[in-house]
Amino acid sequence: MRLQKLAQMALDQDLAVLRAAATARDASLQHLKELAPSAASDLSPLQQAQTLLRYETWADTRRAEINMILARQTAEWLAQRETAKKAFGKTEALRLLQGKIMR
């Protein structure tokens, strides 16, 4: 029973870390989506083109930065997912063993 509680605590901790990794990754994905340009209708066509060009230059740099962060976050998320899977397996194995012992 105590071993099962410890395994559950470890699982809960691993799931919390996984949730945090997923939240950080989702935030980066959202930042990428938010980089889409919006049209400014009060500018002349030439000003719109210049503004869009400047924005796209800046956004390309920002996308590259976010993609680097996203790659690290995805690797962390995948690693934490594997850790959580193992913890879940251990918890379930102990639960099943406990059930057989109690019979």
PDB file of N, CA and C in Angstrom:
ATOM      1  N   MET A   1       0.825  -1.194   0.000  1.00  0.00           N
ATOM      2  CA  MET A   1       0.000   0.000   0.000  1.00  0.00           C
ATOM      3  C   MET A   1       0.871   1.260   0.000  1.00  0.00           C
ATOM      4  N   ARG A   2       1.920   1.289   0.824  1.00  0.00           N
ATOM      5  CA  ARG A   2       2.792   2.460   0.880  1.00  0.00           C
ATOM      6  C   ARG A   2       3.553   2.638  -0.426  1.00  0.00           C
ATOM      7  N   LEU A   3       3.977   1.513  -1.008  1.00  0.00           N
ATOM      8  CA  LEU A   3       4.690   1.576  -2.271  1.00  0.00           C
ATOM      9  C   LEU A   3       3.782   2.113  -3.374  1.00  0.00           C
ATOM     10  N   GLN A   4       2.536   1.721  -3.328  1.00  0.00           N
ATOM     11  CA  GLN A   4       1.569   2.199  -4.315  1.00  0.00           C
ATOM     12  C   GLN A   4       1.348   3.710  -4.153  1.00  0.00           C
ATOM     13  N   LYS A   5       1.294   4.187  -2.923  1.00  0.00           N
ATOM     14  CA  LYS A   5       1.130   5.623  -2.682  1.00  0.00           C
ATOM     15  C   LYS A   5       2.346   6.397  -3.190  1.00  0.00           C
ATOM     16  N   LEU A   6       3.532   5.869  -2.975  1.00  0.00           N
ATOM     17  CA  LEU A   6       4.745   6.521  -3.461  1.00  0.00           C
ATOM     18  C   LEU A   6       4.762   6.567  -4.993  1.00  0.00           C
ATOM     19  N   ALA A   7       4.353   5.470  -5.600  1.00  0.00           N
ATOM     20  CA  ALA A   7       4.297   5.423  -7.064  1.00  0.00           C
ATOM     21  C   ALA A   7       3.280   6.443  -7.584  1.00  0.00           C
ATOM     22  N   GLN A   8       2.156   6.581  -6.902  1.00  0.00           N
ATOM     23  CA  GLN A   8       1.132   7.549  -7.303  1.00  0.00           C
ATOM     24  C   GLN A   8       1.664   8.979  -7.159  1.00  0.00           C
ATOM     25  N   MET A   9       2.404   9.230  -6.094  1.00  0.00           N
ATOM     26  CA  MET A   9       3.000  10.553  -5.901  1.00  0.00           C
ATOM     27  C   MET A   9       3.998  10.861  -7.022  1.00  0.00           C
ATOM     28  N   ALA A  10       4.796   9.873  -7.387  1.00  0.00           N
ATOM     29  CA  ALA A  10       5.759  10.063  -8.480  1.00  0.00           C
ATOM     30  C   ALA A  10       5.019  10.315  -9.795  1.00  0.00           C
ATOM     31  N   LEU A  11       3.944   9.569 -10.020  1.00  0.00           N
ATOM     32  CA  LEU A  11       3.139   9.775 -11.227  1.00  0.00           C
ATOM     33  C   LEU A  11       2.549  11.177 -11.247  1.00  0.00           C
ATOM     34  N   ASP A  12       1.994  11.609 -10.127  1.00  0.00           N
ATOM     35  CA  ASP A  12       1.417  12.953 -10.056  1.00  0.00           C
ATOM     36  C   ASP A  12       2.460  14.019 -10.358  1.00  0.00           C
ATOM     37  N   GLN A  13       3.659  13.843  -9.834  1.00  0.00           N
ATOM     38  CA  GLN A  13       4.750  14.791 -10.090  1.00  0.00           C
ATOM     39  C   GLN A  13       5.123  14.783 -11.576  1.00  0.00           C
ATOM     40  N   ASP A  14       5.257  13.602 -12.151  1.00  0.00           N
ATOM     41  CA  ASP A  14       5.618  13.497 -13.568  1.00  0.00           C
ATOM     42  C   ASP A  14       4.536  14.108 -14.462  1.00  0.00           C
ATOM     43  N   LEU A  15       3.283  13.910 -14.098  1.00  0.00           N
ATOM     44  CA  LEU A  15       2.190  14.490 -14.883  1.00  0.00           C
ATOM     45  C   LEU A  15       2.176  16.014 -14.765  1.00  0.00           C
ATOM     46  N   ALA A  16       2.517  16.539 -13.604  1.00  0.00           N
ATOM     47  CA  ALA A  16       2.590  17.995 -13.434  1.00  0.00           C
ATOM     48  C   ALA A  16       3.697  18.586 -14.309  1.00  0.00           C
ATOM     49  N   VAL A  17       4.838  17.911 -14.356  1.00  0.00           N
ATOM     50  CA  VAL A  17       5.945  18.373 -15.201  1.00  0.00           C
ATOM     51  C   VAL A  17       5.537  18.285 -16.674  1.00  0.00           C
ATOM     52  N   LEU A  18       4.841  17.219 -17.040  1.00  0.00           N
ATOM     53  CA  LEU A  18       4.368  17.057 -18.414  1.00  0.00           C
ATOM     54  C   LEU A  18       3.391  18.168 -18.784  1.00  0.00           C
ATOM     55  N   ARG A  19       2.474  18.487 -17.883  1.00  0.00           N
ATOM     56  CA  ARG A  19       1.510  19.562 -18.144  1.00  0.00           C
ATOM     57  C   ARG A  19       2.228  20.895 -18.338  1.00  0.00           C
ATOM     58  N   ALA A  20       3.230  21.163 -17.515  1.00  0.00           N
ATOM     59  CA  ALA A  20       3.986  22.416 -17.637  1.00  0.00           C
ATOM     60  C   ALA A  20       4.719  22.473 -18.979  1.00  0.00           C
ATOM     61  N   ALA A  21       5.307  21.355 -19.393  1.00  0.00           N
ATOM     62  CA  ALA A  21       6.006  21.308 -20.678  1.00  0.00           C
ATOM     63  C   ALA A  21       5.022  21.522 -21.832  1.00  0.00           C
ATOM     64  N   ALA A  22       3.859  20.912 -21.737  1.00  0.00           N
ATOM     65  CA  ALA A  22       2.837  21.061 -22.785  1.00  0.00           C
ATOM     66  C   ALA A  22       2.325  22.496 -22.845  1.00  0.00           C
ATOM     67  N   THR A  23       2.152  23.123 -21.699  1.00  0.00           N
ATOM     68  CA  THR A  23       1.683  24.510 -21.650  1.00  0.00           C
ATOM     69  C   THR A  23       2.701  25.455 -22.291  1.00  0.00           C
ATOM     70  N   ALA A  24       3.969  25.257 -21.979  1.00  0.00           N
ATOM     71  CA  ALA A  24       5.023  26.095 -22.558  1.00  0.00           C
ATOM     72  C   ALA A  24       5.080  25.906 -24.071  1.00  0.00           C
ATOM     73  N   ARG A  25       4.974  24.662 -24.510  1.00  0.00           N
ATOM     74  CA  ARG A  25       4.999  24.355 -25.950  1.00  0.00           C
ATOM     75  C   ARG A  25       3.801  24.974 -26.651  1.00  0.00           C
ATOM     76  N   ASP A  26       2.633  24.858 -26.047  1.00  0.00           N
ATOM     77  CA  ASP A  26       1.423  25.442 -26.632  1.00  0.00           C
ATOM     78  C   ASP A  26       1.539  26.964 -26.735  1.00  0.00           C
ATOM     79  N   ALA A  27       2.162  27.589 -25.749  1.00  0.00           N
ATOM     80  CA  ALA A  27       2.346  29.046 -25.790  1.00  0.00           C
ATOM     81  C   ALA A  27       3.242  29.436 -26.965  1.00  0.00           C
ATOM     82  N   SER A  28       4.289  28.683 -27.202  1.00  0.00           N
ATOM     83  CA  SER A  28       5.169  28.978 -28.333  1.00  0.00           C
ATOM     84  C   SER A  28       4.440  28.793 -29.663  1.00  0.00           C
ATOM     85  N   LEU A  29       3.642  27.749 -29.764  1.00  0.00           N
ATOM     86  CA  LEU A  29       2.852  27.547 -30.980  1.00  0.00           C
ATOM     87  C   LEU A  29       1.892  28.714 -31.206  1.00  0.00           C
ATOM     88  N   GLN A  30       1.306  29.204 -30.133  1.00  0.00           N
ATOM     89  CA  GLN A  30       0.401  30.347 -30.231  1.00  0.00           C
ATOM     90  C   GLN A  30       1.153  31.604 -30.668  1.00  0.00           C
ATOM     91  N   HIS A  31       2.361  31.797 -30.149  1.00  0.00           N
ATOM     92  CA  HIS A  31       3.178  32.951 -30.560  1.00  0.00           C
ATOM     93  C   HIS A  31       3.460  32.908 -32.065  1.00  0.00           C
ATOM     94  N   LEU A  32       3.724  31.714 -32.580  1.00  0.00           N
ATOM     95  CA  LEU A  32       3.950  31.588 -34.031  1.00  0.00           C
ATOM     96  C   LEU A  32       2.703  31.997 -34.814  1.00  0.00           C
ATOM     97  N   LYS A  33       1.545  31.558 -34.344  1.00  0.00           N
ATOM     98  CA  LYS A  33       0.293  31.893 -35.032  1.00  0.00           C
ATOM     99  C   LYS A  33       0.027  33.396 -35.017  1.00  0.00           C
ATOM    100  N   GLU A  34       0.426  34.041 -33.944  1.00  0.00           N
ATOM    101  CA  GLU A  34       0.163  35.471 -33.785  1.00  0.00           C
ATOM    102  C   GLU A  34       1.061  36.345 -34.658  1.00  0.00           C
ATOM    103  N   LEU A  35       2.043  35.767 -35.318  1.00  0.00           N
ATOM    104  CA  LEU A  35       2.948  36.553 -36.151  1.00  0.00           C
ATOM    105  C   LEU A  35       2.390  36.864 -37.542  1.00  0.00           C
ATOM    106  N   ALA A  36       1.180  36.434 -37.817  1.00  0.00           N
ATOM    107  CA  ALA A  36       0.576  36.727 -39.125  1.00  0.00           C
ATOM    108  C   ALA A  36       0.342  38.227 -39.237  1.00  0.00           C
ATOM    109  N   PRO A  37       0.723  38.826 -40.361  1.00  0.00           N
ATOM    110  CA  PRO A  37       0.556  40.283 -40.509  1.00  0.00           C
ATOM    111  C   PRO A  37      -0.909  40.667 -40.682  1.00  0.00           C
ATOM    112  N   SER A  38      -1.229  41.869 -40.240  1.00  0.00           N
ATOM    113  CA  SER A  38      -2.571  42.402 -40.459  1.00  0.00           C
ATOM    114  C   SER A  38      -2.444  43.613 -41.374  1.00  0.00           C
ATOM    115  N   ALA A  39      -3.402  43.784 -42.245  1.00  0.00           N
ATOM    116  CA  ALA A  39      -3.345  44.867 -43.227  1.00  0.00           C
ATOM    117  C   ALA A  39      -3.748  46.192 -42.585  1.00  0.00           C
ATOM    118  N   ALA A  40      -2.985  47.212 -42.874  1.00  0.00           N
ATOM    119  CA  ALA A  40      -3.317  48.562 -42.429  1.00  0.00           C
ATOM    120  C   ALA A  40      -3.927  49.296 -43.610  1.00  0.00           C
ATOM    121  N   SER A  41      -5.213  49.531 -43.568  1.00  0.00           N
ATOM    122  CA  SER A  41      -5.926  50.088 -44.720  1.00  0.00           C
ATOM    123  C   SER A  41      -5.750  51.595 -44.868  1.00  0.00           C
ATOM    124  N   ASP A  42      -5.265  52.269 -43.862  1.00  0.00           N
ATOM    125  CA  ASP A  42      -5.146  53.721 -43.943  1.00  0.00           C
ATOM    126  C   ASP A  42      -3.835  54.179 -44.590  1.00  0.00           C
ATOM    127  N   LEU A  43      -3.050  53.238 -45.098  1.00  0.00           N
ATOM    128  CA  LEU A  43      -1.782  53.562 -45.746  1.00  0.00           C
ATOM    129  C   LEU A  43      -1.911  53.453 -47.258  1.00  0.00           C
ATOM    130  N   SER A  44      -1.054  54.150 -47.952  1.00  0.00           N
ATOM    131  CA  SER A  44      -1.027  54.030 -49.414  1.00  0.00           C
ATOM    132  C   SER A  44      -0.487  52.641 -49.776  1.00  0.00           C
ATOM    133  N   PRO A  45      -0.729  52.184 -50.985  1.00  0.00           N
ATOM    134  CA  PRO A  45      -0.210  50.866 -51.379  1.00  0.00           C
ATOM    135  C   PRO A  45       1.306  50.744 -51.215  1.00  0.00           C
ATOM    136  N   LEU A  46       2.025  51.808 -51.529  1.00  0.00           N
ATOM    137  CA  LEU A  46       3.473  51.781 -51.371  1.00  0.00           C
ATOM    138  C   LEU A  46       3.859  51.661 -49.896  1.00  0.00           C
ATOM    139  N   GLN A  47       3.204  52.438 -49.042  1.00  0.00           N
ATOM    140  CA  GLN A  47       3.477  52.370 -47.604  1.00  0.00           C
ATOM    141  C   GLN A  47       3.093  51.001 -47.041  1.00  0.00           C
ATOM    142  N   GLN A  48       2.002  50.462 -47.531  1.00  0.00           N
ATOM    143  CA  GLN A  48       1.592  49.124 -47.086  1.00  0.00           C
ATOM    144  C   GLN A  48       2.659  48.096 -47.450  1.00  0.00           C
ATOM    145  N   ALA A  49       3.163  48.164 -48.661  1.00  0.00           N
ATOM    146  CA  ALA A  49       4.190  47.212 -49.100  1.00  0.00           C
ATOM    147  C   ALA A  49       5.467  47.364 -48.285  1.00  0.00           C
ATOM    148  N   GLN A  50       5.880  48.607 -48.030  1.00  0.00           N
ATOM    149  CA  GLN A  50       7.086  48.846 -47.231  1.00  0.00           C
ATOM    150  C   GLN A  50       6.904  48.347 -45.801  1.00  0.00           C
ATOM    151  N   THR A  51       5.751  48.647 -45.257  1.00  0.00           N
ATOM    152  CA  THR A  51       5.460  48.213 -43.888  1.00  0.00           C
ATOM    153  C   THR A  51       5.430  46.696 -43.798  1.00  0.00           C
ATOM    154  N   LEU A  52       4.787  46.071 -44.769  1.00  0.00           N
ATOM    155  CA  LEU A  52       4.714  44.614 -44.786  1.00  0.00           C
ATOM    156  C   LEU A  52       6.105  44.000 -44.917  1.00  0.00           C
ATOM    157  N   LEU A  53       6.940  44.570 -45.763  1.00  0.00           N
ATOM    158  CA  LEU A  53       8.300  44.070 -45.943  1.00  0.00           C
ATOM    159  C   LEU A  53       9.102  44.177 -44.639  1.00  0.00           C
ATOM    160  N   ARG A  54       9.007  45.311 -43.978  1.00  0.00           N
ATOM    161  CA  ARG A  54       9.708  45.475 -42.687  1.00  0.00           C
ATOM    162  C   ARG A  54       9.185  44.495 -41.645  1.00  0.00           C
ATOM    163  N   TYR A  55       7.863  44.377 -41.613  1.00  0.00           N
ATOM    164  CA  TYR A  55       7.271  43.456 -40.642  1.00  0.00           C
ATOM    165  C   TYR A  55       7.708  42.022 -40.920  1.00  0.00           C
ATOM    166  N   GLU A  56       7.660  41.597 -42.169  1.00  0.00           N
ATOM    167  CA  GLU A  56       8.035  40.222 -42.512  1.00  0.00           C
ATOM    168  C   GLU A  56       9.499  39.947 -42.191  1.00  0.00           C
ATOM    169  N   THR A  57      10.350  40.943 -42.381  1.00  0.00           N
ATOM    170  CA  THR A  57      11.768  40.781 -42.022  1.00  0.00           C
ATOM    171  C   THR A  57      11.898  40.542 -40.519  1.00  0.00           C
ATOM    172  N   TRP A  58      11.201  41.367 -39.748  1.00  0.00           N
ATOM    173  CA  TRP A  58      11.225  41.205 -38.289  1.00  0.00           C
ATOM    174  C   TRP A  58      10.596  39.868 -37.894  1.00  0.00           C
ATOM    175  N   ALA A  59       9.445  39.541 -38.485  1.00  0.00           N
ATOM    176  CA  ALA A  59       8.715  38.321 -38.127  1.00  0.00           C
ATOM    177  C   ALA A  59       9.523  37.071 -38.470  1.00  0.00           C
ATOM    178  N   ASP A  60      10.262  37.093 -39.572  1.00  0.00           N
ATOM    179  CA  ASP A  60      11.093  35.937 -39.934  1.00  0.00           C
ATOM    180  C   ASP A  60      12.145  35.672 -38.859  1.00  0.00           C
ATOM    181  N   THR A  61      12.757  36.738 -38.363  1.00  0.00           N
ATOM    182  CA  THR A  61      13.745  36.594 -37.283  1.00  0.00           C
ATOM    183  C   THR A  61      13.077  36.054 -36.027  1.00  0.00           C
ATOM    184  N   ARG A  62      11.926  36.599 -35.709  1.00  0.00           N
ATOM    185  CA  ARG A  62      11.192  36.153 -34.513  1.00  0.00           C
ATOM    186  C   ARG A  62      10.747  34.701 -34.663  1.00  0.00           C
ATOM    187  N   ARG A  63      10.279  34.307 -35.853  1.00  0.00           N
ATOM    188  CA  ARG A  63       9.878  32.911 -36.084  1.00  0.00           C
ATOM    189  C   ARG A  63      11.055  31.962 -35.866  1.00  0.00           C
ATOM    190  N   ALA A  64      12.223  32.369 -36.350  1.00  0.00           N
ATOM    191  CA  ALA A  64      13.411  31.526 -36.170  1.00  0.00           C
ATOM    192  C   ALA A  64      13.718  31.353 -34.676  1.00  0.00           C
ATOM    193  N   GLU A  65      13.609  32.432 -33.907  1.00  0.00           N
ATOM    194  CA  GLU A  65      13.845  32.349 -32.464  1.00  0.00           C
ATOM    195  C   GLU A  65      12.821  31.437 -31.789  1.00  0.00           C
ATOM    196  N   ILE A  66      11.561  31.634 -32.149  1.00  0.00           N
ATOM    197  CA  ILE A  66      10.491  30.821 -31.549  1.00  0.00           C
ATOM    198  C   ILE A  66      10.644  29.361 -31.950  1.00  0.00           C
ATOM    199  N   ASN A  67      11.017  29.099 -33.193  1.00  0.00           N
ATOM    200  CA  ASN A  67      11.192  27.716 -33.639  1.00  0.00           C
ATOM    201  C   ASN A  67      12.313  27.012 -32.877  1.00  0.00           C
ATOM    202  N   MET A  68      13.372  27.741 -32.550  1.00  0.00           N
ATOM    203  CA  MET A  68      14.450  27.146 -31.741  1.00  0.00           C
ATOM    204  C   MET A  68      13.923  26.786 -30.342  1.00  0.00           C
ATOM    205  N   ILE A  69      13.186  27.700 -29.761  1.00  0.00           N
ATOM    206  CA  ILE A  69      12.589  27.452 -28.441  1.00  0.00           C
ATOM    207  C   ILE A  69      11.608  26.291 -28.533  1.00  0.00           C
ATOM    208  N   LEU A  70      10.790  26.301 -29.574  1.00  0.00           N
ATOM    209  CA  LEU A  70       9.786  25.250 -29.767  1.00  0.00           C
ATOM    210  C   LEU A  70      10.432  23.883 -29.930  1.00  0.00           C
ATOM    211  N   ALA A  71      11.539  23.813 -30.619  1.00  0.00           N
ATOM    212  CA  ALA A  71      12.244  22.537 -30.783  1.00  0.00           C
ATOM    213  C   ALA A  71      12.692  21.997 -29.427  1.00  0.00           C
ATOM    214  N   ARG A  72      13.262  22.862 -28.601  1.00  0.00           N
ATOM    215  CA  ARG A  72      13.678  22.432 -27.253  1.00  0.00           C
ATOM    216  C   ARG A  72      12.471  22.016 -26.419  1.00  0.00           C
ATOM    217  N   GLN A  73      11.402  22.805 -26.509  1.00  0.00           N
ATOM    218  CA  GLN A  73      10.197  22.492 -25.737  1.00  0.00           C
ATOM    219  C   GLN A  73       9.565  21.180 -26.193  1.00  0.00           C
ATOM    220  N   THR A  74       9.572  20.931 -27.477  1.00  0.00           N
ATOM    221  CA  THR A  74       9.004  19.680 -27.992  1.00  0.00           C
ATOM    222  C   THR A  74       9.828  18.485 -27.527  1.00  0.00           C
ATOM    223  N   ALA A  75      11.145  18.624 -27.561  1.00  0.00           N
ATOM    224  CA  ALA A  75      12.012  17.538 -27.079  1.00  0.00           C
ATOM    225  C   ALA A  75      11.756  17.289 -25.593  1.00  0.00           C
ATOM    226  N   GLU A  76      11.628  18.350 -24.818  1.00  0.00           N
ATOM    227  CA  GLU A  76      11.345  18.224 -23.381  1.00  0.00           C
ATOM    228  C   GLU A  76       9.980  17.578 -23.158  1.00  0.00           C
ATOM    229  N   TRP A  77       8.986  18.012 -23.923  1.00  0.00           N
ATOM    230  CA  TRP A  77       7.639  17.464 -23.798  1.00  0.00           C
ATOM    231  C   TRP A  77       7.626  15.971 -24.123  1.00  0.00           C
ATOM    232  N   LEU A  78       8.317  15.580 -25.195  1.00  0.00           N
ATOM    233  CA  LEU A  78       8.376  14.160 -25.560  1.00  0.00           C
ATOM    234  C   LEU A  78       9.080  13.336 -24.486  1.00  0.00           C
ATOM    235  N   ALA A  79      10.165  13.868 -23.934  1.00  0.00           N
ATOM    236  CA  ALA A  79      10.879  13.162 -22.864  1.00  0.00           C
ATOM    237  C   ALA A  79       9.997  13.030 -21.624  1.00  0.00           C
ATOM    238  N   GLN A  80       9.303  14.097 -21.273  1.00  0.00           N
ATOM    239  CA  GLN A  80       8.425  14.045 -20.098  1.00  0.00           C
ATOM    240  C   GLN A  80       7.243  13.109 -20.329  1.00  0.00           C
ATOM    241  N   ARG A  81       6.776  13.046 -21.564  1.00  0.00           N
ATOM    242  CA  ARG A  81       5.672  12.126 -21.870  1.00  0.00           C
ATOM    243  C   ARG A  81       6.113  10.683 -21.652  1.00  0.00           C
ATOM    244  N   GLU A  82       7.328  10.360 -22.070  1.00  0.00           N
ATOM    245  CA  GLU A  82       7.854   9.005 -21.862  1.00  0.00           C
ATOM    246  C   GLU A  82       8.018   8.709 -20.371  1.00  0.00           C
ATOM    247  N   THR A  83       8.513   9.692 -19.630  1.00  0.00           N
ATOM    248  CA  THR A  83       8.670   9.524 -18.185  1.00  0.00           C
ATOM    249  C   THR A  83       7.317   9.284 -17.521  1.00  0.00           C
ATOM    250  N   ALA A  84       6.316  10.054 -17.929  1.00  0.00           N
ATOM    251  CA  ALA A  84       4.973   9.892 -17.362  1.00  0.00           C
ATOM    252  C   ALA A  84       4.374   8.534 -17.732  1.00  0.00           C
ATOM    253  N   LYS A  85       4.634   8.066 -18.949  1.00  0.00           N
ATOM    254  CA  LYS A  85       4.144   6.739 -19.365  1.00  0.00           C
ATOM    255  C   LYS A  85       4.726   5.649 -18.465  1.00  0.00           C
ATOM    256  N   LYS A  86       6.018   5.748 -18.201  1.00  0.00           N
ATOM    257  CA  LYS A  86       6.674   4.756 -17.343  1.00  0.00           C
ATOM    258  C   LYS A  86       6.116   4.806 -15.929  1.00  0.00           C
ATOM    259  N   ALA A  87       5.928   6.011 -15.423  1.00  0.00           N
ATOM    260  CA  ALA A  87       5.376   6.152 -14.067  1.00  0.00           C
ATOM    261  C   ALA A  87       3.959   5.596 -14.008  1.00  0.00           C
ATOM    262  N   PHE A  88       3.178   5.835 -15.049  1.00  0.00           N
ATOM    263  CA  PHE A  88       1.825   5.292 -15.101  1.00  0.00           C
ATOM    264  C   PHE A  88       1.867   3.772 -15.113  1.00  0.00           C
ATOM    265  N   GLY A  89       2.763   3.207 -15.912  1.00  0.00           N
ATOM    266  CA  GLY A  89       2.901   1.747 -15.971  1.00  0.00           C
ATOM    267  C   GLY A  89       3.265   1.153 -14.629  1.00  0.00           C
ATOM    268  N   LYS A  90       4.185   1.792 -13.924  1.00  0.00           N
ATOM    269  CA  LYS A  90       4.581   1.311 -12.595  1.00  0.00           C
ATOM    270  C   LYS A  90       3.412   1.385 -11.624  1.00  0.00           C
ATOM    271  N   THR A  91       2.686   2.482 -11.680  1.00  0.00           N
ATOM    272  CA  THR A  91       1.543   2.658 -10.780  1.00  0.00           C
ATOM    273  C   THR A  91       0.476   1.605 -11.053  1.00  0.00           C
ATOM    274  N   GLU A  92       0.203   1.366 -12.316  1.00  0.00           N
ATOM    275  CA  GLU A  92      -0.804   0.361 -12.678  1.00  0.00           C
ATOM    276  C   GLU A  92      -0.348  -1.047 -12.296  1.00  0.00           C
ATOM    277  N   ALA A  93       0.928  -1.339 -12.505  1.00  0.00           N
ATOM    278  CA  ALA A  93       1.444  -2.661 -12.131  1.00  0.00           C
ATOM    279  C   ALA A  93       1.302  -2.880 -10.626  1.00  0.00           C
ATOM    280  N   LEU A  94       1.646  -1.871  -9.858  1.00  0.00           N
ATOM    281  CA  LEU A  94       1.514  -1.995  -8.400  1.00  0.00           C
ATOM    282  C   LEU A  94       0.049  -2.123  -7.987  1.00  0.00           C
ATOM    283  N   ARG A  95      -0.835  -1.402  -8.661  1.00  0.00           N
ATOM    284  CA  ARG A  95      -2.267  -1.493  -8.344  1.00  0.00           C
ATOM    285  C   ARG A  95      -2.770  -2.908  -8.624  1.00  0.00           C
ATOM    286  N   LEU A  96      -2.367  -3.472  -9.759  1.00  0.00           N
ATOM    287  CA  LEU A  96      -2.790  -4.835 -10.095  1.00  0.00           C
ATOM    288  C   LEU A  96      -2.216  -5.860  -9.124  1.00  0.00           C
ATOM    289  N   LEU A  97      -0.949  -5.689  -8.758  1.00  0.00           N
ATOM    290  CA  LEU A  97      -0.339  -6.581  -7.778  1.00  0.00           C
ATOM    291  C   LEU A  97      -1.045  -6.496  -6.433  1.00  0.00           C
ATOM    292  N   GLN A  98      -1.363  -5.286  -6.035  1.00  0.00           N
ATOM    293  CA  GLN A  98      -2.081  -5.079  -4.765  1.00  0.00           C
ATOM    294  C   GLN A  98      -3.417  -5.774  -4.796  1.00  0.00           C
ATOM    295  N   GLY A  99      -4.104  -5.681  -5.942  1.00  0.00           N
ATOM    296  CA  GLY A  99      -5.401  -6.344  -6.090  1.00  0.00           C
ATOM    297  C   GLY A  99      -5.282  -7.857  -5.986  1.00  0.00           C
ATOM    298  N   LYS A 100      -4.224  -8.439  -6.544  1.00  0.00           N
ATOM    299  CA  LYS A 100      -4.032  -9.880  -6.468  1.00  0.00           C
ATOM    300  C   LYS A 100      -3.663 -10.320  -5.047  1.00  0.00           C
ATOM    301  N   ILE A 101      -2.896  -9.496  -4.357  1.00  0.00           N
ATOM    302  CA  ILE A 101      -2.492  -9.820  -2.985  1.00  0.00           C
ATOM    303  C   ILE A 101      -3.696  -9.784  -2.057  1.00  0.00           C
ATOM    304  N   MET A 102      -4.609  -8.836  -2.294  1.00  0.00           N
ATOM    305  CA  MET A 102      -5.773  -8.671  -1.421  1.00  0.00           C
ATOM    306  C   MET A 102      -6.803  -9.774  -1.604  1.00  0.00           C
ATOM    307  N   ARG A 103      -6.717 -10.525  -2.678  1.00  0.00           N
ATOM    308  CA  ARG A 103      -7.716 -11.586  -2.920  1.00  0.00           C
ATOM    309  C   ARG A 103      -7.486 -12.766  -2.040  1.00  0.00           C
TER     310      ARG A 103
END
